[in-house]
């Protein structure tokens, strides 16, 4: 037993039976049917403890806890613990008395679940021992350990799913943002395919090349009494009729000015 190591309990079973087994004449394995199963040599409690890397199978009295026998196990499966060939509830263990004497005895469980727990407790312990040995080797020689290759192989791709990803603006099924308010006035779009309207200037005004109205020049006389108001020529026949009707209705074919007013009187 390792000095200074902490002893932990791996498994406890309240009932186990111990059998004397005949010597094995061949290498075919042990058979529980050859034992006197109805007459066990001893019955009591079983505990599996671990101290360091070694596990100990301890057979103790149910009431007082006095140790009947123990079997140190340094590896599993191995010669210290062997399963029988004809049942899953019986095992052969190698017990030691601490003075160098050894003996092989048979143990059996009335409940099949207890036998399963016994087997699993030993397996888990030695899996842990194996991992500790591998960690110790890697700590001593870090360069010799397997290197993790995170690079992409040729032709290898990955797919990333991002939950709740926002759709692009204007995509199908997504409402478009409404334009900002213009002080309560809605901006109407121009009519499709509309033609530019032709502006007809009112009397006494001329239309420039850009479409804007230009007032005709007004020339004042030297005395400030007379004003020359040139009349533009009608652009079309329709406008000529309008000017003709206007002249007939007024009865004044020409414009006159009142002295000192600067206003034109028709």
C-alpha atoms as a PDB file:
ATOM      1  CA  UNK A   1       0.000   0.000   0.000  1.00  0.00           C
ATOM      2  CA  UNK A   2       1.388   3.413  -1.010  1.00  0.00           C
ATOM      3  CA  UNK A   3       2.342   5.582   1.964  1.00  0.00           C
ATOM      4  CA  UNK A   4       0.693   8.994   2.277  1.00  0.00           C
ATOM      5  CA  UNK A   5      -1.893   8.310  -0.462  1.00  0.00           C
ATOM      6  CA  UNK A   6      -5.569   8.991   0.116  1.00  0.00           C
ATOM      7  CA  UNK A   7      -7.767   5.889   0.271  1.00  0.00           C
ATOM      8  CA  UNK A   8     -11.133   6.178  -1.503  1.00  0.00           C
ATOM      9  CA  UNK A   9     -14.084   3.796  -1.566  1.00  0.00           C
ATOM     10  CA  UNK A  10     -15.146   2.665  -5.030  1.00  0.00           C
ATOM     11  CA  UNK A  11     -17.904   0.184  -4.279  1.00  0.00           C
ATOM     12  CA  UNK A  12     -19.712  -1.430  -1.313  1.00  0.00           C
ATOM     13  CA  UNK A  13     -21.906  -4.551  -1.516  1.00  0.00           C
ATOM     14  CA  UNK A  14     -23.664  -5.803   1.631  1.00  0.00           C
ATOM     15  CA  UNK A  15     -23.660  -9.494   0.734  1.00  0.00           C
ATOM     16  CA  UNK A  16     -21.039 -11.696  -0.879  1.00  0.00           C
ATOM     17  CA  UNK A  17     -20.291 -15.421  -0.563  1.00  0.00           C
ATOM     18  CA  UNK A  18     -16.857 -17.035  -0.501  1.00  0.00           C
ATOM     19  CA  UNK A  19     -16.144 -20.517  -1.914  1.00  0.00           C
ATOM     20  CA  UNK A  20     -13.236 -22.897  -1.874  1.00  0.00           C
ATOM     21  CA  UNK A  21     -12.288 -23.809  -5.402  1.00  0.00           C
ATOM     22  CA  UNK A  22     -10.489 -26.907  -6.677  1.00  0.00           C
ATOM     23  CA  UNK A  23      -7.109 -26.421  -8.330  1.00  0.00           C
ATOM     24  CA  UNK A  24      -7.267 -25.727 -12.023  1.00  0.00           C
ATOM     25  CA  UNK A  25      -5.824 -28.640 -13.970  1.00  0.00           C
ATOM     26  CA  UNK A  26      -6.022 -27.048 -17.438  1.00  0.00           C
ATOM     27  CA  UNK A  27      -5.993 -23.572 -18.960  1.00  0.00           C
ATOM     28  CA  UNK A  28      -9.647 -23.669 -19.981  1.00  0.00           C
ATOM     29  CA  UNK A  29     -10.697 -21.314 -17.160  1.00  0.00           C
ATOM     30  CA  UNK A  30     -12.707 -21.607 -13.968  1.00  0.00           C
ATOM     31  CA  UNK A  31     -16.247 -22.974 -13.832  1.00  0.00           C
ATOM     32  CA  UNK A  32     -18.593 -22.048 -10.957  1.00  0.00           C
ATOM     33  CA  UNK A  33     -20.650 -25.219 -11.503  1.00  0.00           C
ATOM     34  CA  UNK A  34     -17.729 -27.215 -10.036  1.00  0.00           C
ATOM     35  CA  UNK A  35     -17.984 -25.384  -6.688  1.00  0.00           C
ATOM     36  CA  UNK A  36     -20.386 -26.268  -3.911  1.00  0.00           C
ATOM     37  CA  UNK A  37     -22.585 -23.206  -4.442  1.00  0.00           C
ATOM     38  CA  UNK A  38     -25.124 -24.222  -1.784  1.00  0.00           C
ATOM     39  CA  UNK A  39     -22.416 -24.414   0.894  1.00  0.00           C
ATOM     40  CA  UNK A  40     -20.353 -21.192   0.936  1.00  0.00           C
ATOM     41  CA  UNK A  41     -17.296 -21.144   3.228  1.00  0.00           C
ATOM     42  CA  UNK A  42     -17.960 -17.577   4.399  1.00  0.00           C
ATOM     43  CA  UNK A  43     -20.526 -14.778   3.866  1.00  0.00           C
ATOM     44  CA  UNK A  44     -20.137 -11.106   4.610  1.00  0.00           C
ATOM     45  CA  UNK A  45     -19.668  -7.631   3.105  1.00  0.00           C
ATOM     46  CA  UNK A  46     -17.465  -6.600   0.169  1.00  0.00           C
ATOM     47  CA  UNK A  47     -15.745  -3.228  -0.237  1.00  0.00           C
ATOM     48  CA  UNK A  48     -13.519  -2.022  -3.055  1.00  0.00           C
ATOM     49  CA  UNK A  49     -11.106   0.759  -2.127  1.00  0.00           C
ATOM     50  CA  UNK A  50      -8.338   2.506  -4.032  1.00  0.00           C
ATOM     51  CA  UNK A  51      -5.095   3.975  -2.803  1.00  0.00           C
ATOM     52  CA  UNK A  52      -3.012   5.486  -5.532  1.00  0.00           C
ATOM     53  CA  UNK A  53      -3.096   3.235  -8.585  1.00  0.00           C
ATOM     54  CA  UNK A  54      -3.850   0.001  -6.690  1.00  0.00           C
ATOM     55  CA  UNK A  55      -7.386  -1.211  -5.921  1.00  0.00           C
ATOM     56  CA  UNK A  56      -8.167  -3.474  -2.955  1.00  0.00           C
ATOM     57  CA  UNK A  57     -11.005  -5.977  -2.710  1.00  0.00           C
ATOM     58  CA  UNK A  58     -11.794  -6.321   0.994  1.00  0.00           C
ATOM     59  CA  UNK A  59     -14.013  -9.006   2.567  1.00  0.00           C
ATOM     60  CA  UNK A  60     -15.308  -7.798   5.924  1.00  0.00           C
ATOM     61  CA  UNK A  61     -17.712  -8.893   8.616  1.00  0.00           C
ATOM     62  CA  UNK A  62     -21.183  -7.339   8.189  1.00  0.00           C
ATOM     63  CA  UNK A  63     -21.520  -6.295  11.838  1.00  0.00           C
ATOM     64  CA  UNK A  64     -18.061  -5.542  13.217  1.00  0.00           C
ATOM     65  CA  UNK A  65     -16.268  -4.664   9.953  1.00  0.00           C
ATOM     66  CA  UNK A  66     -13.390  -7.026  10.821  1.00  0.00           C
ATOM     67  CA  UNK A  67     -11.246  -7.857   7.828  1.00  0.00           C
ATOM     68  CA  UNK A  68     -11.536 -11.466   6.665  1.00  0.00           C
ATOM     69  CA  UNK A  69      -9.284 -11.253   3.570  1.00  0.00           C
ATOM     70  CA  UNK A  70      -8.194  -8.744   0.934  1.00  0.00           C
ATOM     71  CA  UNK A  71      -6.968  -8.976  -2.628  1.00  0.00           C
ATOM     72  CA  UNK A  72      -4.771  -6.195  -4.032  1.00  0.00           C
ATOM     73  CA  UNK A  73      -5.415  -5.558  -7.741  1.00  0.00           C
ATOM     74  CA  UNK A  74      -2.724  -3.799  -9.785  1.00  0.00           C
ATOM     75  CA  UNK A  75      -4.341  -4.345 -13.198  1.00  0.00           C
ATOM     76  CA  UNK A  76      -7.719  -5.377 -14.565  1.00  0.00           C
ATOM     77  CA  UNK A  77      -8.401  -7.696 -16.223  1.00  0.00           C
ATOM     78  CA  UNK A  78      -5.504  -9.728 -14.905  1.00  0.00           C
ATOM     79  CA  UNK A  79      -4.509 -12.654 -12.717  1.00  0.00           C
ATOM     80  CA  UNK A  80      -5.740 -10.934  -9.529  1.00  0.00           C
ATOM     81  CA  UNK A  81      -9.405 -11.029 -10.685  1.00  0.00           C
ATOM     82  CA  UNK A  82     -10.814 -13.511 -13.223  1.00  0.00           C
ATOM     83  CA  UNK A  83     -14.357 -14.178 -14.390  1.00  0.00           C
ATOM     84  CA  UNK A  84     -15.706 -17.750 -14.582  1.00  0.00           C
ATOM     85  CA  UNK A  85     -16.720 -19.167 -17.936  1.00  0.00           C
ATOM     86  CA  UNK A  86     -20.243 -20.315 -17.048  1.00  0.00           C
ATOM     87  CA  UNK A  87     -21.754 -17.359 -15.071  1.00  0.00           C
ATOM     88  CA  UNK A  88     -21.585 -13.580 -14.726  1.00  0.00           C
ATOM     89  CA  UNK A  89     -22.170 -13.551 -10.937  1.00  0.00           C
ATOM     90  CA  UNK A  90     -19.016 -15.425  -9.869  1.00  0.00           C
ATOM     91  CA  UNK A  91     -15.339 -14.456  -9.886  1.00  0.00           C
ATOM     92  CA  UNK A  92     -11.999 -15.856  -8.761  1.00  0.00           C
ATOM     93  CA  UNK A  93      -9.760 -13.480  -6.779  1.00  0.00           C
ATOM     94  CA  UNK A  94      -6.214 -13.809  -5.444  1.00  0.00           C
ATOM     95  CA  UNK A  95      -5.985 -12.914  -1.749  1.00  0.00           C
ATOM     96  CA  UNK A  96      -2.807 -12.019   0.154  1.00  0.00           C
ATOM     97  CA  UNK A  97      -2.053 -11.898   3.876  1.00  0.00           C
ATOM     98  CA  UNK A  98       0.796  -9.351   3.727  1.00  0.00           C
ATOM     99  CA  UNK A  99       3.444 -11.971   4.557  1.00  0.00           C
ATOM    100  CA  UNK A 100       3.922 -13.220   1.028  1.00  0.00           C
ATOM    101  CA  UNK A 101       1.263 -15.955   1.122  1.00  0.00           C
ATOM    102  CA  UNK A 102      -1.367 -16.052  -1.617  1.00  0.00           C
ATOM    103  CA  UNK A 103      -4.466 -18.105  -2.298  1.00  0.00           C
ATOM    104  CA  UNK A 104      -7.228 -18.221  -4.900  1.00  0.00           C
ATOM    105  CA  UNK A 105     -10.821 -18.209  -3.714  1.00  0.00           C
ATOM    106  CA  UNK A 106     -14.179 -17.911  -5.421  1.00  0.00           C
ATOM    107  CA  UNK A 107     -16.701 -15.159  -4.662  1.00  0.00           C
ATOM    108  CA  UNK A 108     -20.319 -14.911  -5.791  1.00  0.00           C
ATOM    109  CA  UNK A 109     -23.228 -12.442  -5.607  1.00  0.00           C
ATOM    110  CA  UNK A 110     -26.864 -13.387  -5.165  1.00  0.00           C
ATOM    111  CA  UNK A 111     -27.930 -10.329  -7.175  1.00  0.00           C
ATOM    112  CA  UNK A 112     -26.721 -10.030 -10.762  1.00  0.00           C
ATOM    113  CA  UNK A 113     -26.718  -6.231 -10.438  1.00  0.00           C
ATOM    114  CA  UNK A 114     -24.178  -6.421  -7.596  1.00  0.00           C
ATOM    115  CA  UNK A 115     -21.877  -8.480  -9.808  1.00  0.00           C
ATOM    116  CA  UNK A 116     -22.212  -5.853 -12.560  1.00  0.00           C
ATOM    117  CA  UNK A 117     -21.334  -3.005 -10.178  1.00  0.00           C
ATOM    118  CA  UNK A 118     -18.309  -4.955  -8.928  1.00  0.00           C
ATOM    119  CA  UNK A 119     -17.005  -5.333 -12.469  1.00  0.00           C
ATOM    120  CA  UNK A 120     -17.666  -1.716 -13.492  1.00  0.00           C
ATOM    121  CA  UNK A 121     -15.981  -0.276 -10.356  1.00  0.00           C
ATOM    122  CA  UNK A 122     -12.730  -2.027 -11.236  1.00  0.00           C
ATOM    123  CA  UNK A 123     -12.940  -1.023 -14.909  1.00  0.00           C
ATOM    124  CA  UNK A 124     -13.493   2.658 -14.111  1.00  0.00           C
ATOM    125  CA  UNK A 125     -10.594   2.761 -11.678  1.00  0.00           C
ATOM    126  CA  UNK A 126      -8.074   1.380 -14.145  1.00  0.00           C
ATOM    127  CA  UNK A 127      -9.337   3.628 -16.916  1.00  0.00           C
ATOM    128  CA  UNK A 128      -8.489   6.521 -14.620  1.00  0.00           C
ATOM    129  CA  UNK A 129      -5.048   5.006 -13.924  1.00  0.00           C
ATOM    130  CA  UNK A 130      -4.377   4.771 -17.665  1.00  0.00           C
ATOM    131  CA  UNK A 131      -5.322   8.389 -18.233  1.00  0.00           C
ATOM    132  CA  UNK A 132      -3.069   9.549 -15.413  1.00  0.00           C
ATOM    133  CA  UNK A 133      -0.140   7.683 -16.921  1.00  0.00           C
ATOM    134  CA  UNK A 134      -0.754   9.281 -20.330  1.00  0.00           C
ATOM    135  CA  UNK A 135      -0.946  12.760 -18.792  1.00  0.00           C
ATOM    136  CA  UNK A 136       2.315  12.199 -16.956  1.00  0.00           C
ATOM    137  CA  UNK A 137       4.080  11.133 -20.169  1.00  0.00           C
ATOM    138  CA  UNK A 138       2.813  14.166 -22.053  1.00  0.00           C
ATOM    139  CA  UNK A 139       3.986  16.474 -19.269  1.00  0.00           C
ATOM    140  CA  UNK A 140       7.506  15.012 -19.435  1.00  0.00           C
ATOM    141  CA  UNK A 141       7.706  15.036 -23.242  1.00  0.00           C
ATOM    142  CA  UNK A 142       5.284  17.660 -24.588  1.00  0.00           C
ATOM    143  CA  UNK A 143       6.811  17.604 -28.102  1.00  0.00           C
ATOM    144  CA  UNK A 144       6.208  13.890 -28.551  1.00  0.00           C
ATOM    145  CA  UNK A 145       2.459  14.082 -27.960  1.00  0.00           C
ATOM    146  CA  UNK A 146      -0.035  14.122 -30.830  1.00  0.00           C
ATOM    147  CA  UNK A 147      -0.434  17.544 -32.393  1.00  0.00           C
ATOM    148  CA  UNK A 148      -3.882  18.923 -33.057  1.00  0.00           C
ATOM    149  CA  UNK A 149      -4.325  19.887 -36.701  1.00  0.00           C
ATOM    150  CA  UNK A 150      -7.032  22.540 -37.052  1.00  0.00           C
ATOM    151  CA  UNK A 151      -6.310  23.407 -40.685  1.00  0.00           C
ATOM    152  CA  UNK A 152      -8.795  22.862 -43.478  1.00  0.00           C
ATOM    153  CA  UNK A 153      -8.213  19.888 -45.730  1.00  0.00           C
ATOM    154  CA  UNK A 154      -8.460  20.243 -49.493  1.00  0.00           C
ATOM    155  CA  UNK A 155     -12.079  20.641 -50.508  1.00  0.00           C
ATOM    156  CA  UNK A 156     -13.328  20.826 -46.915  1.00  0.00           C
ATOM    157  CA  UNK A 157     -16.022  23.374 -46.143  1.00  0.00           C
ATOM    158  CA  UNK A 158     -17.914  24.461 -43.079  1.00  0.00           C
ATOM    159  CA  UNK A 159     -21.469  25.730 -42.637  1.00  0.00           C
ATOM    160  CA  UNK A 160     -22.409  28.335 -40.031  1.00  0.00           C
ATOM    161  CA  UNK A 161     -25.997  28.897 -38.984  1.00  0.00           C
ATOM    162  CA  UNK A 162     -26.668  32.260 -37.332  1.00  0.00           C
ATOM    163  CA  UNK A 163     -30.009  32.417 -35.589  1.00  0.00           C
ATOM    164  CA  UNK A 164     -32.257  35.487 -35.901  1.00  0.00           C
ATOM    165  CA  UNK A 165     -30.189  37.010 -38.714  1.00  0.00           C
ATOM    166  CA  UNK A 166     -31.848  40.174 -40.068  1.00  0.00           C
ATOM    167  CA  UNK A 167     -33.032  40.097 -43.661  1.00  0.00           C
ATOM    168  CA  UNK A 168     -31.697  42.576 -46.149  1.00  0.00           C
ATOM    169  CA  UNK A 169     -33.779  45.659 -46.724  1.00  0.00           C
ATOM    170  CA  UNK A 170     -36.052  45.229 -49.706  1.00  0.00           C
ATOM    171  CA  UNK A 171     -35.963  41.414 -49.631  1.00  0.00           C
ATOM    172  CA  UNK A 172     -39.109  39.407 -50.301  1.00  0.00           C
ATOM    173  CA  UNK A 173     -41.492  39.392 -47.381  1.00  0.00           C
ATOM    174  CA  UNK A 174     -39.821  42.357 -45.685  1.00  0.00           C
ATOM    175  CA  UNK A 175     -41.783  45.648 -45.503  1.00  0.00           C
ATOM    176  CA  UNK A 176     -39.872  48.629 -46.839  1.00  0.00           C
ATOM    177  CA  UNK A 177     -39.206  51.635 -44.651  1.00  0.00           C
ATOM    178  CA  UNK A 178     -41.723  54.444 -45.133  1.00  0.00           C
ATOM    179  CA  UNK A 179     -40.350  57.882 -46.128  1.00  0.00           C
ATOM    180  CA  UNK A 180     -39.944  60.513 -43.482  1.00  0.00           C
ATOM    181  CA  UNK A 181     -42.887  62.814 -42.795  1.00  0.00           C
ATOM    182  CA  UNK A 182     -42.995  66.135 -44.699  1.00  0.00           C
ATOM    183  CA  UNK A 183     -45.024  68.166 -42.249  1.00  0.00           C
ATOM    184  CA  UNK A 184     -48.315  66.379 -42.875  1.00  0.00           C
ATOM    185  CA  UNK A 185     -48.141  66.697 -46.726  1.00  0.00           C
ATOM    186  CA  UNK A 186     -47.932  63.536 -48.766  1.00  0.00           C
ATOM    187  CA  UNK A 187     -45.649  63.698 -51.803  1.00  0.00           C
ATOM    188  CA  UNK A 188     -47.460  62.376 -54.853  1.00  0.00           C
ATOM    189  CA  UNK A 189     -45.410  60.856 -57.659  1.00  0.00           C
ATOM    190  CA  UNK A 190     -45.626  62.403 -61.164  1.00  0.00           C
ATOM    191  CA  UNK A 191     -48.107  60.786 -63.577  1.00  0.00           C
ATOM    192  CA  UNK A 192     -46.515  58.100 -65.722  1.00  0.00           C
ATOM    193  CA  UNK A 193     -45.801  58.990 -69.341  1.00  0.00           C
ATOM    194  CA  UNK A 194     -46.920  62.631 -68.971  1.00  0.00           C
ATOM    195  CA  UNK A 195     -46.046  65.126 -71.699  1.00  0.00           C
ATOM    196  CA  UNK A 196     -44.713  68.589 -71.108  1.00  0.00           C
ATOM    197  CA  UNK A 197     -47.565  71.089 -71.444  1.00  0.00           C
ATOM    198  CA  UNK A 198     -47.235  74.117 -73.708  1.00  0.00           C
ATOM    199  CA  UNK A 199     -47.559  77.428 -71.923  1.00  0.00           C
ATOM    200  CA  UNK A 200     -49.600  80.144 -73.661  1.00  0.00           C
ATOM    201  CA  UNK A 201     -48.453  83.557 -72.463  1.00  0.00           C
ATOM    202  CA  UNK A 202     -51.067  86.058 -71.424  1.00  0.00           C
ATOM    203  CA  UNK A 203     -51.391  89.324 -73.324  1.00  0.00           C
ATOM    204  CA  UNK A 204     -48.419  91.577 -73.040  1.00  0.00           C
ATOM    205  CA  UNK A 205     -45.942  88.850 -71.988  1.00  0.00           C
ATOM    206  CA  UNK A 206     -43.406  86.875 -73.920  1.00  0.00           C
ATOM    207  CA  UNK A 207     -42.211  83.293 -73.429  1.00  0.00           C
ATOM    208  CA  UNK A 208     -38.468  82.792 -73.164  1.00  0.00           C
ATOM    209  CA  UNK A 209     -36.515  79.799 -74.455  1.00  0.00           C
ATOM    210  CA  UNK A 210     -36.565  78.056 -71.054  1.00  0.00           C
ATOM    211  CA  UNK A 211     -40.352  78.262 -70.746  1.00  0.00           C
ATOM    212  CA  UNK A 212     -40.475  81.134 -68.190  1.00  0.00           C
ATOM    213  CA  UNK A 213     -42.515  84.283 -68.703  1.00  0.00           C
ATOM    214  CA  UNK A 214     -40.645  87.542 -69.330  1.00  0.00           C
ATOM    215  CA  UNK A 215     -42.283  90.939 -68.911  1.00  0.00           C
ATOM    216  CA  UNK A 216     -41.809  93.243 -71.961  1.00  0.00           C
ATOM    217  CA  UNK A 217     -39.686  96.326 -71.566  1.00  0.00           C
ATOM    218  CA  UNK A 218     -41.506  99.545 -70.733  1.00  0.00           C
ATOM    219  CA  UNK A 219     -40.004 102.777 -72.166  1.00  0.00           C
ATOM    220  CA  UNK A 220     -40.945 106.027 -70.486  1.00  0.00           C
ATOM    221  CA  UNK A 221     -40.959 109.239 -72.483  1.00  0.00           C
ATOM    222  CA  UNK A 222     -38.843 112.256 -71.722  1.00  0.00           C
ATOM    223  CA  UNK A 223     -41.760 113.965 -70.097  1.00  0.00           C
ATOM    224  CA  UNK A 224     -42.848 110.824 -68.270  1.00  0.00           C
ATOM    225  CA  UNK A 225     -46.298 110.977 -69.933  1.00  0.00           C
ATOM    226  CA  UNK A 226     -46.135 108.489 -72.734  1.00  0.00           C
ATOM    227  CA  UNK A 227     -45.352 104.721 -72.420  1.00  0.00           C
ATOM    228  CA  UNK A 228     -44.529 102.472 -75.336  1.00  0.00           C
ATOM    229  CA  UNK A 229     -46.105  99.025 -74.785  1.00  0.00           C
ATOM    230  CA  UNK A 230     -45.140  96.819 -77.667  1.00  0.00           C
ATOM    231  CA  UNK A 231     -47.645  94.134 -78.442  1.00  0.00           C
ATOM    232  CA  UNK A 232     -46.162  90.719 -79.276  1.00  0.00           C
ATOM    233  CA  UNK A 233     -47.256  89.043 -82.427  1.00  0.00           C
ATOM    234  CA  UNK A 234     -49.690  86.175 -81.964  1.00  0.00           C
ATOM    235  CA  UNK A 235     -47.880  82.836 -81.932  1.00  0.00           C
ATOM    236  CA  UNK A 236     -50.731  80.860 -83.458  1.00  0.00           C
ATOM    237  CA  UNK A 237     -53.976  81.416 -85.292  1.00  0.00           C
ATOM    238  CA  UNK A 238     -55.919  80.690 -82.126  1.00  0.00           C
ATOM    239  CA  UNK A 239     -54.167  83.423 -80.212  1.00  0.00           C
ATOM    240  CA  UNK A 240     -54.711  85.838 -83.157  1.00  0.00           C
ATOM    241  CA  UNK A 241     -58.458  85.320 -82.864  1.00  0.00           C
ATOM    242  CA  UNK A 242     -58.279  86.017 -79.156  1.00  0.00           C
ATOM    243  CA  UNK A 243     -56.495  89.330 -79.742  1.00  0.00           C
ATOM    244  CA  UNK A 244     -58.952  90.232 -82.496  1.00  0.00           C
ATOM    245  CA  UNK A 245     -61.949  89.610 -80.240  1.00  0.00           C
ATOM    246  CA  UNK A 246     -60.355  91.619 -77.481  1.00  0.00           C
ATOM    247  CA  UNK A 247     -59.914  94.632 -79.812  1.00  0.00           C
ATOM    248  CA  UNK A 248     -63.511  94.481 -81.003  1.00  0.00           C
ATOM    249  CA  UNK A 249     -64.881  94.335 -77.471  1.00  0.00           C
ATOM    250  CA  UNK A 250     -62.909  97.319 -76.235  1.00  0.00           C
ATOM    251  CA  UNK A 251     -63.294  99.422 -79.361  1.00  0.00           C
ATOM    252  CA  UNK A 252     -59.786 100.792 -78.958  1.00  0.00           C
ATOM    253  CA  UNK A 253     -57.362  99.435 -81.507  1.00  0.00           C
ATOM    254  CA  UNK A 254     -54.426 101.063 -79.807  1.00  0.00           C
ATOM    255  CA  UNK A 255     -53.379 101.764 -76.279  1.00  0.00           C
ATOM    256  CA  UNK A 256     -53.479 105.211 -74.721  1.00  0.00           C
ATOM    257  CA  UNK A 257     -51.898 106.702 -71.661  1.00  0.00           C
ATOM    258  CA  UNK A 258     -53.329 109.232 -69.322  1.00  0.00           C
ATOM    259  CA  UNK A 259     -50.998 112.120 -68.701  1.00  0.00           C
ATOM    260  CA  UNK A 260     -49.025 111.909 -65.486  1.00  0.00           C
ATOM    261  CA  UNK A 261     -50.295 108.463 -64.452  1.00  0.00           C
ATOM    262  CA  UNK A 262     -47.990 106.053 -66.235  1.00  0.00           C
ATOM    263  CA  UNK A 263     -50.885 103.615 -66.515  1.00  0.00           C
ATOM    264  CA  UNK A 264     -51.906 102.237 -69.859  1.00  0.00           C
ATOM    265  CA  UNK A 265     -55.593 102.542 -70.671  1.00  0.00           C
ATOM    266  CA  UNK A 266     -57.215 100.448 -73.396  1.00  0.00           C
END
